Protein backbone atom coordinates (compact mmCIF):
# COMPACT_ATOMS: atom_id res chain seq x y z
CA UNK A 1 -6.61 -27.21 2.29
CA UNK A 2 -5.23 -23.89 3.23
CA UNK A 3 -1.58 -23.42 3.61
CA UNK A 4 -2.19 -22.38 7.02
CA UNK A 5 -3.45 -25.56 7.96
CA UNK A 6 -0.67 -27.37 6.12
CA UNK A 7 2.03 -25.20 8.24
CA UNK A 8 0.09 -26.01 11.44
CA UNK A 9 0.08 -29.66 11.08
CA UNK A 10 3.69 -29.78 9.56
CA UNK A 11 2.28 -31.51 6.35
CA UNK A 12 5.00 -30.02 4.40
CA UNK A 13 8.51 -29.85 6.00
CA UNK A 14 10.47 -27.07 5.44
CA UNK A 15 7.72 -24.93 4.04
CA UNK A 16 7.02 -21.59 5.67
CA UNK A 17 4.17 -19.47 4.69
CA UNK A 18 5.49 -16.30 6.05
CA UNK A 19 8.62 -16.52 4.13
CA UNK A 20 6.77 -17.04 1.00
CA UNK A 21 4.61 -13.75 1.48
CA UNK A 22 8.02 -12.11 2.11
CA UNK A 23 9.34 -13.33 -0.74
CA UNK A 24 6.54 -12.14 -2.79
CA UNK A 25 6.67 -8.72 -1.32
CA UNK A 26 10.41 -8.08 -1.88
CA UNK A 27 9.82 -9.22 -5.67
CA UNK A 28 7.06 -6.94 -6.08
CA UNK A 29 9.01 -4.10 -4.52
CA UNK A 30 11.64 -4.73 -6.79
CA UNK A 31 9.17 -4.64 -9.89
CA UNK A 32 7.88 -1.65 -8.78
CA UNK A 33 11.24 -0.30 -8.37
CA UNK A 34 12.23 -1.14 -11.78
CA UNK A 35 8.91 0.38 -13.19
CA UNK A 36 9.31 3.51 -11.71
CA UNK A 37 12.39 3.76 -12.94
CA UNK A 38 11.45 2.89 -16.70
CA UNK A 39 8.68 5.42 -16.57
CA UNK A 40 10.80 8.35 -15.66
CA UNK A 41 13.64 7.36 -18.11
CA UNK A 42 11.17 7.16 -21.16
CA UNK A 43 9.05 9.46 -22.53
CA UNK A 44 5.75 8.00 -21.48
CA UNK A 45 2.22 9.30 -23.07
CA UNK A 46 -0.01 10.46 -20.30
CA UNK A 47 -2.86 7.94 -21.27
CA UNK A 48 -0.49 5.15 -19.92
CA UNK A 49 -0.69 6.73 -16.41
CA UNK A 50 -4.73 6.59 -16.57
CA UNK A 51 -4.26 2.96 -17.61
CA UNK A 52 -2.20 2.38 -14.30
CA UNK A 53 -5.27 4.25 -12.41
CA UNK A 54 -7.54 1.90 -14.12
CA UNK A 55 -5.91 -1.61 -13.30
CA UNK A 56 -5.34 -0.19 -9.70
CA UNK A 57 -9.08 0.31 -9.17
CA UNK A 58 -10.21 -3.07 -10.82
CA UNK A 59 -7.52 -5.50 -8.92
CA UNK A 60 -8.87 -3.36 -5.61
CA UNK A 61 -12.20 -3.84 -6.58
CA UNK A 62 -11.79 -7.79 -7.54
CA UNK A 63 -10.20 -8.14 -3.80
CA UNK A 64 -13.24 -6.18 -2.00
CA UNK A 65 -15.86 -8.50 -4.03
CA UNK A 66 -13.87 -11.52 -3.43
CA UNK A 67 -13.94 -10.34 0.51
CA UNK A 68 -17.51 -9.52 0.74
CA UNK A 69 -18.70 -12.74 -0.57
CA UNK A 70 -16.02 -14.86 0.93
CA UNK A 71 -14.65 -16.29 -2.57
CA UNK A 72 -11.58 -18.07 -2.36
CA UNK A 73 -8.62 -16.86 -4.83
CA UNK A 74 -6.03 -19.61 -6.07
CA UNK A 75 -2.67 -18.99 -5.31
CA UNK A 76 -2.03 -18.46 -8.98
CA UNK A 77 -4.55 -15.79 -9.14
CA UNK A 78 -3.70 -14.15 -6.05
CA UNK A 79 0.04 -14.09 -7.52
CA UNK A 80 -0.95 -12.75 -10.94
CA UNK A 81 -3.20 -9.78 -9.13
CA UNK A 82 -0.11 -8.94 -6.74
CA UNK A 83 2.46 -8.33 -9.84
CA UNK A 84 -0.32 -6.86 -11.90
CA UNK A 85 -1.14 -4.70 -8.99
CA UNK A 86 2.65 -3.86 -8.31
CA UNK A 87 2.95 -2.66 -12.43
CA UNK A 88 -0.28 -0.46 -12.36
CA UNK A 89 0.58 1.28 -8.83
CA UNK A 90 4.03 1.79 -9.68
CA UNK A 91 2.86 3.61 -13.04
CA UNK A 92 0.96 6.06 -11.00
CA UNK A 93 3.38 6.43 -8.53
CA UNK A 94 5.95 7.46 -11.24
CA UNK A 95 3.84 10.25 -12.00
CA UNK A 96 3.92 11.89 -8.13
CA UNK A 97 7.77 10.86 -8.50
CA UNK A 98 8.25 13.00 -11.46
CA UNK A 99 6.52 16.00 -9.99
CA UNK A 100 8.35 15.64 -6.72
CA UNK A 101 11.57 15.46 -8.76
CA UNK A 102 10.56 18.79 -10.51
CA UNK A 103 10.60 20.75 -7.36
CA UNK A 104 13.39 19.17 -5.48
CA UNK A 105 15.11 15.82 -5.16
CA UNK A 106 14.60 16.12 -1.31
CA UNK A 107 10.88 15.64 -1.64
CA UNK A 108 11.78 11.69 -2.79
CA UNK A 109 14.31 11.28 -0.40
CA UNK A 110 11.97 12.28 2.56
CA UNK A 111 8.75 10.48 1.33
CA UNK A 112 10.67 7.49 0.92
CA UNK A 113 12.95 7.73 3.86
CA UNK A 114 9.64 8.68 5.99
CA UNK A 115 7.92 5.43 4.24
CA UNK A 116 10.84 3.17 5.49
CA UNK A 117 10.98 4.52 9.02
CA UNK A 118 7.01 3.57 9.36
CA UNK A 119 7.84 0.09 7.75
CA UNK A 120 10.35 -0.60 9.83
CA UNK A 121 8.76 0.50 12.93
CA UNK A 122 5.28 -1.60 11.94
CA UNK A 123 7.71 -4.86 11.32
CA UNK A 124 9.88 -4.36 14.64
CA UNK A 125 6.65 -3.85 16.84
CA UNK A 126 3.60 -5.72 15.05
CA UNK A 127 4.80 -9.32 15.91
CA UNK A 128 4.21 -8.46 19.89
CA UNK A 129 0.61 -7.07 19.68
CA UNK A 130 -1.17 -9.33 17.84
CA UNK A 131 -3.31 -10.13 20.83
CA UNK A 132 -4.63 -6.49 20.66
CA UNK A 133 -5.10 -6.39 16.71
CA UNK A 134 -9.00 -6.52 17.33
CA UNK A 135 -8.75 -3.00 19.04
CA UNK A 136 -6.34 -1.79 16.49
CA UNK A 137 -8.43 -2.63 13.70
CA UNK A 138 -11.55 -0.97 15.33
CA UNK A 139 -9.41 2.26 15.50
CA UNK A 140 -8.57 2.03 11.90
CA UNK A 141 -12.19 1.59 10.95
CA UNK A 142 -13.28 4.77 12.80
CA UNK A 143 -10.48 6.60 11.13
CA UNK A 144 -11.56 5.29 7.44
CA UNK A 145 -14.99 6.51 8.14
CA UNK A 146 -13.75 9.92 9.56
CA UNK A 147 -11.38 9.95 6.58
CA UNK A 148 -14.53 9.61 3.85
CA UNK A 149 -16.97 11.73 5.61
CA UNK A 150 -14.12 14.17 5.61
CA UNK A 151 -13.16 13.61 2.20
CA UNK A 152 -16.79 13.91 0.65
CA UNK A 153 -17.59 17.09 2.98
CA UNK A 154 -14.16 18.58 2.02
CA UNK A 155 -14.35 18.08 -1.76
CA UNK A 156 -17.47 20.21 -2.42
CA UNK A 157 -16.58 22.96 -0.24
CA UNK A 158 -12.36 23.03 0.11
CA UNK A 159 -11.87 21.13 -3.29
CA UNK A 160 -9.82 24.32 -4.76
CA UNK A 161 -7.91 24.54 -1.50
CA UNK A 162 -4.30 22.71 -1.52
CA UNK A 163 -4.31 22.68 2.32
CA UNK A 164 -7.31 20.56 2.12
CA UNK A 165 -5.14 17.50 0.01
CA UNK A 166 -2.47 18.03 2.81
CA UNK A 167 -5.14 17.37 5.36
CA UNK A 168 -6.09 14.45 3.29
CA UNK A 169 -2.68 13.01 2.83
CA UNK A 170 -2.21 13.00 6.33
CA UNK A 171 -5.15 11.20 7.20
CA UNK A 172 -4.24 8.78 4.69
CA UNK A 173 -0.77 8.37 5.96
CA UNK A 174 -2.13 7.67 9.46
CA UNK A 175 -4.50 5.33 8.04
CA UNK A 176 -2.18 3.53 6.05
CA UNK A 177 0.24 3.13 8.76
CA UNK A 178 -2.04 1.32 10.90
CA UNK A 179 -3.35 -1.38 8.47
CA UNK A 180 0.48 -1.83 7.90
CA UNK A 181 0.79 -2.52 11.36
CA UNK A 182 -2.18 -4.58 11.34
CA UNK A 183 -0.85 -6.84 8.61
CA UNK A 184 2.52 -7.09 9.41
CA UNK A 185 1.03 -8.53 12.68
CA UNK A 186 -1.15 -11.09 10.47
CA UNK A 187 2.00 -11.95 8.64
CA UNK A 188 4.35 -12.29 11.53
CA UNK A 189 1.77 -14.52 13.20
CA UNK A 190 0.88 -16.68 9.96
CA UNK A 191 -2.47 -15.56 10.39
CA UNK A 192 -3.37 -15.73 6.72
CA UNK A 193 -4.18 -18.55 4.07
CA UNK A 194 -2.26 -16.99 0.69
CA UNK A 195 1.30 -15.88 0.64
CA UNK A 196 0.61 -13.71 -2.22
CA UNK A 197 -2.51 -12.33 -1.07
CA UNK A 198 -0.99 -11.37 2.08
CA UNK A 199 2.00 -9.55 0.23
CA UNK A 200 -0.44 -7.95 -2.05
CA UNK A 201 -2.29 -6.20 0.99
CA UNK A 202 1.22 -5.14 2.28
CA UNK A 203 2.48 -3.78 -0.90
CA UNK A 204 -1.35 -1.86 -1.09
CA UNK A 205 -0.05 -0.43 2.51
CA UNK A 206 3.46 0.54 1.46
CA UNK A 207 3.00 1.77 -2.15
CA UNK A 208 0.07 4.07 -0.71
CA UNK A 209 2.00 5.10 2.28
CA UNK A 210 4.94 6.26 0.05
CA UNK A 211 2.09 8.27 -2.11
CA UNK A 212 0.85 10.03 0.79
CA UNK A 213 4.26 10.97 2.03
CA UNK A 214 4.88 12.30 -1.45
CA UNK A 215 1.88 14.45 -1.71
CA UNK A 216 2.71 15.70 2.04
CA UNK A 217 6.25 16.70 1.08
CA UNK A 218 5.30 18.15 -2.61
CA UNK A 219 2.68 20.52 -0.29
CA UNK A 220 5.24 21.67 2.15
CA UNK A 221 8.22 22.02 -0.36
CA UNK A 222 5.72 23.65 -3.22
CA UNK A 223 4.02 26.09 -0.67
CA UNK A 224 7.48 26.97 0.76
CA UNK A 225 8.72 28.05 -2.75
CA UNK A 226 5.46 29.93 -3.63
């Protein structure tokens, strides 16, 4: 029996999967913040960043594999994946933060501020648009396909041009903003079965949106200095 069904039938009084998902999300964001702080404070060898990137890739592949074959992860497994992904993604995030701080602290402030504005907007407006989520999802799929084609073509033609990565980051920010909107709509309407897995997808949206904004501001500030 899914958590969603339990809430709808009021089998468990006082338990709300939405609250549980937000609790998981808040814990993951706190864990990521601590990990980034530790990575910036300590002299971490470069290979750890590669391990973080490998961990991100493996977890995303697990999620895609389970979605493709419609497998159901247990809540304990989803929780482990959530916090593991929070650590791995924050390790790779810390490298971008380190580069940004070397240029100007305003880059980090601007990226965090921009991400916060998008997250707040997605949260405030998502609950009232759940009926239009199918149309929004179709738009997101179209953008993803266009993004993949642009990336594939541009990588072979414009890979040496920093402007190419700036444009890719802009598309990435738009895509993750839309998916964040969709995931907040699902969460607010309790259209999910696993709180930890729902929190993982939202954390994924937020952390990668922040990475895209960091790359955008790095290009803008780095370009102005050159």
